[in-house]
Protein backbone atom coordinates (compact mmCIF):
# COMPACT_ATOMS: atom_id res chain seq x y z
CA MET A 1 -6.62 -14.53 -5.52
CA PRO A 2 -6.11 -17.66 -3.35
CA LEU A 3 -5.77 -16.93 0.36
CA HIS A 4 -2.25 -18.38 0.50
CA SER A 5 -1.18 -16.00 -2.27
CA THR A 6 -2.67 -13.07 -0.36
CA LEU A 7 -0.78 -14.12 2.74
CA ILE A 8 2.64 -14.36 1.07
CA GLU A 9 2.14 -11.17 -0.91
CA SER A 10 1.21 -9.35 2.30
CA LEU A 11 4.35 -10.61 4.02
CA ARG A 12 6.46 -9.51 1.09
CA TRP A 13 4.76 -6.12 1.14
CA ARG A 14 5.39 -5.41 4.83
CA TYR A 15 8.64 -4.01 6.17
CA ALA A 16 9.83 -2.22 9.31
CA THR A 17 8.55 1.20 8.37
CA LYS A 18 11.11 3.91 9.06
CA ARG A 19 8.96 6.91 8.24
CA PHE A 20 5.20 7.21 8.73
CA ASP A 21 2.84 9.70 7.11
CA ALA A 22 1.51 11.57 10.15
CA SER A 23 -1.50 12.80 8.18
CA LYS A 24 -2.84 9.29 7.56
CA LYS A 25 -4.78 7.59 10.35
CA ILE A 26 -6.08 4.05 10.75
CA ASP A 27 -9.88 4.13 10.49
CA ALA A 28 -12.02 2.82 13.34
CA GLU A 29 -13.17 -0.36 11.58
CA THR A 30 -9.64 -1.37 10.60
CA TRP A 31 -8.33 -0.62 14.07
CA GLN A 32 -11.06 -2.73 15.65
CA GLN A 33 -9.86 -5.70 13.63
CA LEU A 34 -6.28 -5.10 14.70
CA GLN A 35 -7.34 -4.74 18.32
CA SER A 36 -9.23 -8.02 18.06
CA SER A 37 -6.09 -9.68 16.69
CA LEU A 38 -4.31 -8.65 19.89
CA VAL A 39 -7.04 -9.99 22.14
CA LEU A 40 -7.21 -13.26 20.19
CA THR A 41 -3.46 -13.93 20.49
CA PRO A 42 -2.72 -17.44 21.82
CA SER A 43 -0.77 -17.74 25.06
CA SER A 44 0.68 -20.56 27.11
CA TYR A 45 -2.11 -22.19 29.15
CA GLY A 46 -4.35 -19.40 27.84
CA LEU A 47 -3.21 -17.12 30.68
CA GLN A 48 -2.84 -13.91 28.62
CA PRO A 49 -0.12 -12.38 30.85
CA TRP A 50 -0.11 -9.02 29.11
CA LYS A 51 -1.67 -5.64 28.61
CA PHE A 52 -1.74 -3.63 25.38
CA LEU A 53 -1.58 0.14 25.71
CA VAL A 54 -2.63 1.97 22.55
CA ILE A 55 -1.47 5.55 22.24
CA THR A 56 -3.28 7.85 19.81
CA ASP A 57 -3.21 11.11 21.76
CA GLU A 58 -0.91 13.49 19.88
CA ALA A 59 0.32 15.18 23.06
CA VAL A 60 1.43 11.83 24.49
CA LYS A 61 2.91 10.62 21.19
CA SER A 62 4.98 13.80 20.95
CA GLN A 63 6.79 12.79 24.15
CA LEU A 64 7.78 9.36 22.84
CA PRO A 65 10.79 10.13 20.58
CA ALA A 66 12.76 11.40 23.59
CA ILE A 67 12.35 8.02 25.28
CA SER A 68 12.69 6.02 22.04
CA TRP A 69 16.27 6.80 21.05
CA ASN A 70 14.96 9.89 19.20
CA GLN A 71 13.15 7.76 16.63
CA LEU A 72 10.19 9.54 15.06
CA GLN A 73 7.95 6.56 14.30
CA PRO A 74 6.18 6.73 17.70
CA LYS A 75 5.19 10.35 17.06
CA ASP A 76 4.27 10.11 13.37
CA CYS A 77 2.42 6.79 13.35
CA SER A 78 -1.35 6.54 13.74
CA HIS A 79 -1.42 4.11 16.68
CA MET A 80 1.53 3.32 18.95
CA VAL A 81 1.01 -0.03 20.66
CA VAL A 82 2.96 -0.75 23.83
CA PHE A 83 3.18 -4.42 24.79
CA ALA A 84 3.44 -4.82 28.56
CA ALA A 85 3.96 -8.10 30.40
CA ARG A 86 2.73 -9.07 33.83
CA LYS A 87 5.54 -9.23 36.35
CA THR A 88 3.97 -12.23 38.07
CA VAL A 89 1.42 -14.97 37.54
CA ASP A 90 0.34 -15.45 41.12
CA GLU A 91 -2.44 -17.59 42.55
CA GLU A 92 -4.88 -14.68 42.63
CA TYR A 93 -4.41 -14.07 38.91
CA ILE A 94 -4.78 -17.77 38.13
CA ASN A 95 -8.00 -17.91 40.15
CA ARG A 96 -9.41 -14.97 38.19
CA PHE A 97 -8.47 -16.68 34.92
CA ILE A 98 -10.15 -19.93 36.00
CA GLN A 99 -13.28 -18.05 37.02
CA THR A 100 -13.36 -16.46 33.57
CA VAL A 101 -13.07 -19.87 31.89
CA VAL A 102 -15.89 -21.28 34.02
CA SER A 103 -18.12 -18.29 33.33
CA THR A 104 -17.41 -18.11 29.59
CA ARG A 105 -17.93 -21.83 28.98
CA GLU A 106 -20.81 -22.12 31.48
CA LEU A 107 -19.13 -24.89 33.44
CA PRO A 108 -19.80 -26.13 36.98
CA ALA A 109 -17.94 -24.03 39.56
CA ASP A 110 -15.49 -26.84 40.40
CA ALA A 111 -14.97 -28.13 36.85
CA MET A 112 -11.56 -26.48 36.46
CA ASN A 113 -10.13 -27.17 39.91
CA GLY A 114 -7.66 -29.76 38.63
CA TYR A 115 -6.41 -27.48 35.87
CA ARG A 116 -6.12 -24.63 38.37
CA ASP A 117 -3.92 -26.76 40.63
CA ILE A 118 -1.67 -27.63 37.68
CA LEU A 119 -1.25 -23.95 36.82
CA VAL A 120 -0.45 -22.99 40.40
CA ALA A 121 2.12 -25.79 40.72
CA THR A 122 3.70 -25.06 37.34
CA THR A 123 4.08 -21.31 37.85
CA ALA A 124 5.37 -21.81 41.40
CA LYS A 125 8.40 -23.63 39.97
CA MET A 126 9.39 -20.80 37.63
CA GLU A 127 12.43 -18.71 38.50
CA SER A 128 11.05 -15.64 36.73
CA HIS A 129 7.46 -15.03 35.78
CA LEU A 130 8.43 -11.83 33.98
CA ASP A 131 10.91 -13.63 31.73
CA TRP A 132 8.25 -16.18 30.75
CA ASN A 133 5.56 -13.56 30.30
CA SER A 134 7.84 -11.39 28.16
CA ARG A 135 8.31 -14.25 25.72
CA GLN A 136 4.52 -14.58 25.54
CA VAL A 137 4.28 -10.89 24.62
CA TYR A 138 6.33 -11.47 21.47
CA ILE A 139 3.68 -13.91 20.25
CA ALA A 140 1.20 -11.03 20.43
CA LEU A 141 3.61 -8.74 18.59
CA GLY A 142 4.02 -11.25 15.77
CA GLN A 143 0.28 -11.81 15.43
CA PHE A 144 -0.37 -8.06 15.41
CA MET A 145 2.17 -7.47 12.65
CA MET A 146 0.75 -10.33 10.58
CA ALA A 147 -2.79 -9.00 10.93
CA ALA A 148 -1.63 -5.51 10.03
CA ALA A 149 0.12 -6.74 6.88
CA LEU A 150 -3.04 -8.55 5.75
CA LEU A 151 -4.97 -5.29 6.20
CA GLN A 152 -2.28 -3.25 4.40
CA VAL A 153 -1.36 -1.36 7.57
CA ASP A 154 2.31 -0.59 8.05
CA THR A 155 4.14 -1.43 11.27
CA CYS A 156 7.52 -1.01 12.89
CA PRO A 157 8.38 -3.23 15.88
CA MET A 158 10.51 -1.30 18.35
CA GLU A 159 12.82 -2.53 21.08
CA GLY A 160 14.72 0.76 20.82
CA ILE A 161 12.77 2.30 23.67
CA LEU A 162 13.39 2.98 27.35
CA PRO A 163 10.93 0.67 29.16
CA GLU A 164 11.20 2.38 32.55
CA LYS A 165 10.47 5.76 30.96
CA TYR A 166 7.51 4.30 29.09
CA ASP A 167 6.22 2.80 32.34
CA ALA A 168 6.44 6.20 34.03
CA LEU A 169 4.69 8.01 31.18
CA LEU A 170 1.91 5.44 30.87
CA GLY A 171 1.27 4.94 34.58
CA LEU A 172 2.64 1.40 34.75
CA THR A 173 5.24 2.06 37.45
CA ASP A 174 4.38 0.16 40.64
CA THR A 175 1.71 -1.88 38.84
CA GLU A 176 1.70 -5.56 37.90
CA TYR A 177 2.77 -4.69 34.34
CA THR A 178 5.92 -3.41 32.68
CA THR A 179 6.79 -2.36 29.13
CA VAL A 180 8.58 -4.98 27.03
CA VAL A 181 8.37 -3.86 23.40
CA ALA A 182 6.33 -1.51 21.22
CA CYS A 183 5.00 -1.36 17.68
CA ALA A 184 4.17 1.71 15.65
CA ALA A 185 1.25 1.25 13.23
CA GLY A 186 -0.04 3.47 10.47
CA TYR A 187 0.82 4.20 6.86
CA ARG A 188 4.20 4.64 5.23
CA HIS A 189 5.37 8.03 4.01
CA GLU A 190 5.87 8.14 0.26
CA ALA A 191 9.42 9.36 0.85
CA ASP A 192 10.41 6.33 2.95
CA GLN A 193 13.05 4.75 0.74
CA GLN A 194 13.07 1.54 2.76
CA ALA A 195 9.69 0.65 1.28
CA ALA A 196 11.31 -0.17 -2.06
CA ALA A 197 14.31 -2.05 -0.64
CA LYS A 198 14.47 -5.74 -1.52
CA LYS A 199 14.00 -8.16 1.35
CA VAL A 200 17.17 -9.96 2.37
CA ARG A 201 16.59 -13.49 3.62
CA PHE A 202 18.69 -16.64 3.72
CA SER A 203 17.38 -19.40 1.47
CA ASP A 204 14.65 -21.83 2.51
CA ASN A 205 17.22 -24.63 2.51
CA GLU A 206 19.33 -22.80 5.07
CA LEU A 207 16.50 -21.83 7.38
CA VAL A 208 14.01 -24.67 7.13
CA VAL A 209 14.91 -28.26 8.01
CA THR A 210 12.37 -30.97 7.27
CA ILE A 211 12.84 -34.10 9.36
């Protein structure tokens, strides 16, 4: 099957899973690919202003429905991914990023000084780093869901959570990161009726404008 056909069929197959089969777990090899899709997510300036917390411990997952509007997906899924954004992009963080670029690409120590200065000046003008970083996080969420669909792993993106409660449970309170959104991943329960529901989308002509 052509790759483009596989892509579209995977997108048609996926849906926001309402009920997961708690007995089915994502195997290690498949999860490693999904984890890599998170790490490889593009970000503005390449700054990667996020952290991904992956919850598989059953004792921790059992506490999540109470801070997720009593939804059961966080408890029954295989892997619960919490997308946290950095609250700031300060000069110290930018310096660490630049050092990583220099080291990874084996560049002279001062090769990225000009780019560093641009980043410092640009971020200094922002009214809210957290607002900007939170929008970056949604790029990671989209890429994760796409990768999962291609691997036939079900997902459910979740804004119906209490971020402050998640921060407290996961040890993020008083750190540089805060919960923005989450995504349950695993395999659909055979009794989840939403799996068979037809997708409802406006037509291409309404949504796509070619100029």
